[in-house]
């Protein structure tokens, strides 16, 4: 997972966790999604990326 991908996941995850914590109710789902985004950013592994066979790192150069 690329650094920019992890940073975006952390920012969006923090926003969702905050929203879920303060609003409650149906926004509790946002809290769980936010936690998942933060965990995938910290670990650097996204199961959905693995299943889809994609990577945000880009192609390695073959020089």
C-alpha atoms as a PDB file:
ATOM      1  CA  UNK A   1       0.000   0.000   0.000  1.00  0.00           C
ATOM      2  CA  UNK A   2       1.380   3.386  -0.984  1.00  0.00           C
ATOM      3  CA  UNK A   3       2.037   6.126   1.559  1.00  0.00           C
ATOM      4  CA  UNK A   4      -0.587   8.412   0.012  1.00  0.00           C
ATOM      5  CA  UNK A   5      -3.148   5.601   0.247  1.00  0.00           C
ATOM      6  CA  UNK A   6      -2.405   5.084   3.934  1.00  0.00           C
ATOM      7  CA  UNK A   7      -2.642   8.802   4.663  1.00  0.00           C
ATOM      8  CA  UNK A   8      -6.014   9.097   2.924  1.00  0.00           C
ATOM      9  CA  UNK A   9      -7.288   6.057   4.827  1.00  0.00           C
ATOM     10  CA  UNK A  10      -6.163   7.535   8.155  1.00  0.00           C
ATOM     11  CA  UNK A  11      -7.775  10.917   7.449  1.00  0.00           C
ATOM     12  CA  UNK A  12     -11.090   9.467   6.273  1.00  0.00           C
ATOM     13  CA  UNK A  13     -11.032   6.865   9.063  1.00  0.00           C
ATOM     14  CA  UNK A  14     -10.474   9.525  11.722  1.00  0.00           C
ATOM     15  CA  UNK A  15     -13.320  11.601  10.294  1.00  0.00           C
ATOM     16  CA  UNK A  16     -15.676   8.609  10.325  1.00  0.00           C
ATOM     17  CA  UNK A  17     -14.671   7.576  13.848  1.00  0.00           C
ATOM     18  CA  UNK A  18     -15.265  11.112  15.095  1.00  0.00           C
ATOM     19  CA  UNK A  19     -18.608  11.307  13.318  1.00  0.00           C
ATOM     20  CA  UNK A  20     -19.714   7.941  14.691  1.00  0.00           C
ATOM     21  CA  UNK A  21     -18.567   8.769  18.204  1.00  0.00           C
ATOM     22  CA  UNK A  22     -20.291  12.153  18.475  1.00  0.00           C
ATOM     23  CA  UNK A  23     -23.438  11.540  16.405  1.00  0.00           C
ATOM     24  CA  UNK A  24     -24.195   7.941  17.437  1.00  0.00           C
ATOM     25  CA  UNK A  25     -27.271   6.166  16.118  1.00  0.00           C
ATOM     26  CA  UNK A  26     -26.940   5.143  12.490  1.00  0.00           C
ATOM     27  CA  UNK A  27     -23.499   6.762  12.398  1.00  0.00           C
ATOM     28  CA  UNK A  28     -22.226   3.892  14.547  1.00  0.00           C
ATOM     29  CA  UNK A  29     -21.669   2.083  11.252  1.00  0.00           C
ATOM     30  CA  UNK A  30     -19.336   4.936  10.250  1.00  0.00           C
ATOM     31  CA  UNK A  31     -17.372   4.322  13.437  1.00  0.00           C
ATOM     32  CA  UNK A  32     -16.756   0.672  12.519  1.00  0.00           C
ATOM     33  CA  UNK A  33     -15.845   1.529   8.919  1.00  0.00           C
ATOM     34  CA  UNK A  34     -13.459   4.209  10.196  1.00  0.00           C
ATOM     35  CA  UNK A  35     -11.741   1.751  12.521  1.00  0.00           C
ATOM     36  CA  UNK A  36     -11.318  -0.724   9.658  1.00  0.00           C
ATOM     37  CA  UNK A  37      -9.814   2.005   7.446  1.00  0.00           C
ATOM     38  CA  UNK A  38      -7.353   3.007  10.169  1.00  0.00           C
ATOM     39  CA  UNK A  39      -6.357  -0.621  10.812  1.00  0.00           C
ATOM     40  CA  UNK A  40      -5.726  -1.288   7.123  1.00  0.00           C
ATOM     41  CA  UNK A  41      -3.625   1.885   6.924  1.00  0.00           C
ATOM     42  CA  UNK A  42      -1.548   0.864   9.946  1.00  0.00           C
ATOM     43  CA  UNK A  43      -0.982  -2.711   8.789  1.00  0.00           C
ATOM     44  CA  UNK A  44      -0.494  -1.766   5.131  1.00  0.00           C
ATOM     45  CA  UNK A  45      -2.703  -4.635   4.018  1.00  0.00           C
ATOM     46  CA  UNK A  46      -6.163  -4.368   2.483  1.00  0.00           C
ATOM     47  CA  UNK A  47      -8.004  -7.652   1.888  1.00  0.00           C
ATOM     48  CA  UNK A  48     -10.137  -6.072  -0.852  1.00  0.00           C
ATOM     49  CA  UNK A  49      -6.996  -5.017  -2.742  1.00  0.00           C
ATOM     50  CA  UNK A  50      -5.703  -8.593  -2.466  1.00  0.00           C
ATOM     51  CA  UNK A  51      -8.971 -10.074  -3.769  1.00  0.00           C
ATOM     52  CA  UNK A  52      -9.150  -7.575  -6.643  1.00  0.00           C
ATOM     53  CA  UNK A  53      -5.449  -8.000  -7.452  1.00  0.00           C
ATOM     54  CA  UNK A  54      -4.686  -4.275  -7.389  1.00  0.00           C
ATOM     55  CA  UNK A  55      -1.969  -2.229  -5.746  1.00  0.00           C
ATOM     56  CA  UNK A  56      -1.601   1.476  -5.069  1.00  0.00           C
ATOM     57  CA  UNK A  57       2.212   1.220  -5.035  1.00  0.00           C
ATOM     58  CA  UNK A  58       2.556   1.300  -8.821  1.00  0.00           C
ATOM     59  CA  UNK A  59       4.636  -0.885 -11.074  1.00  0.00           C
ATOM     60  CA  UNK A  60       8.296  -1.541 -10.164  1.00  0.00           C
ATOM     61  CA  UNK A  61      10.751  -0.199 -12.675  1.00  0.00           C
ATOM     62  CA  UNK A  62      12.617  -2.791 -14.735  1.00  0.00           C
ATOM     63  CA  UNK A  63      15.860  -1.054 -15.567  1.00  0.00           C
END
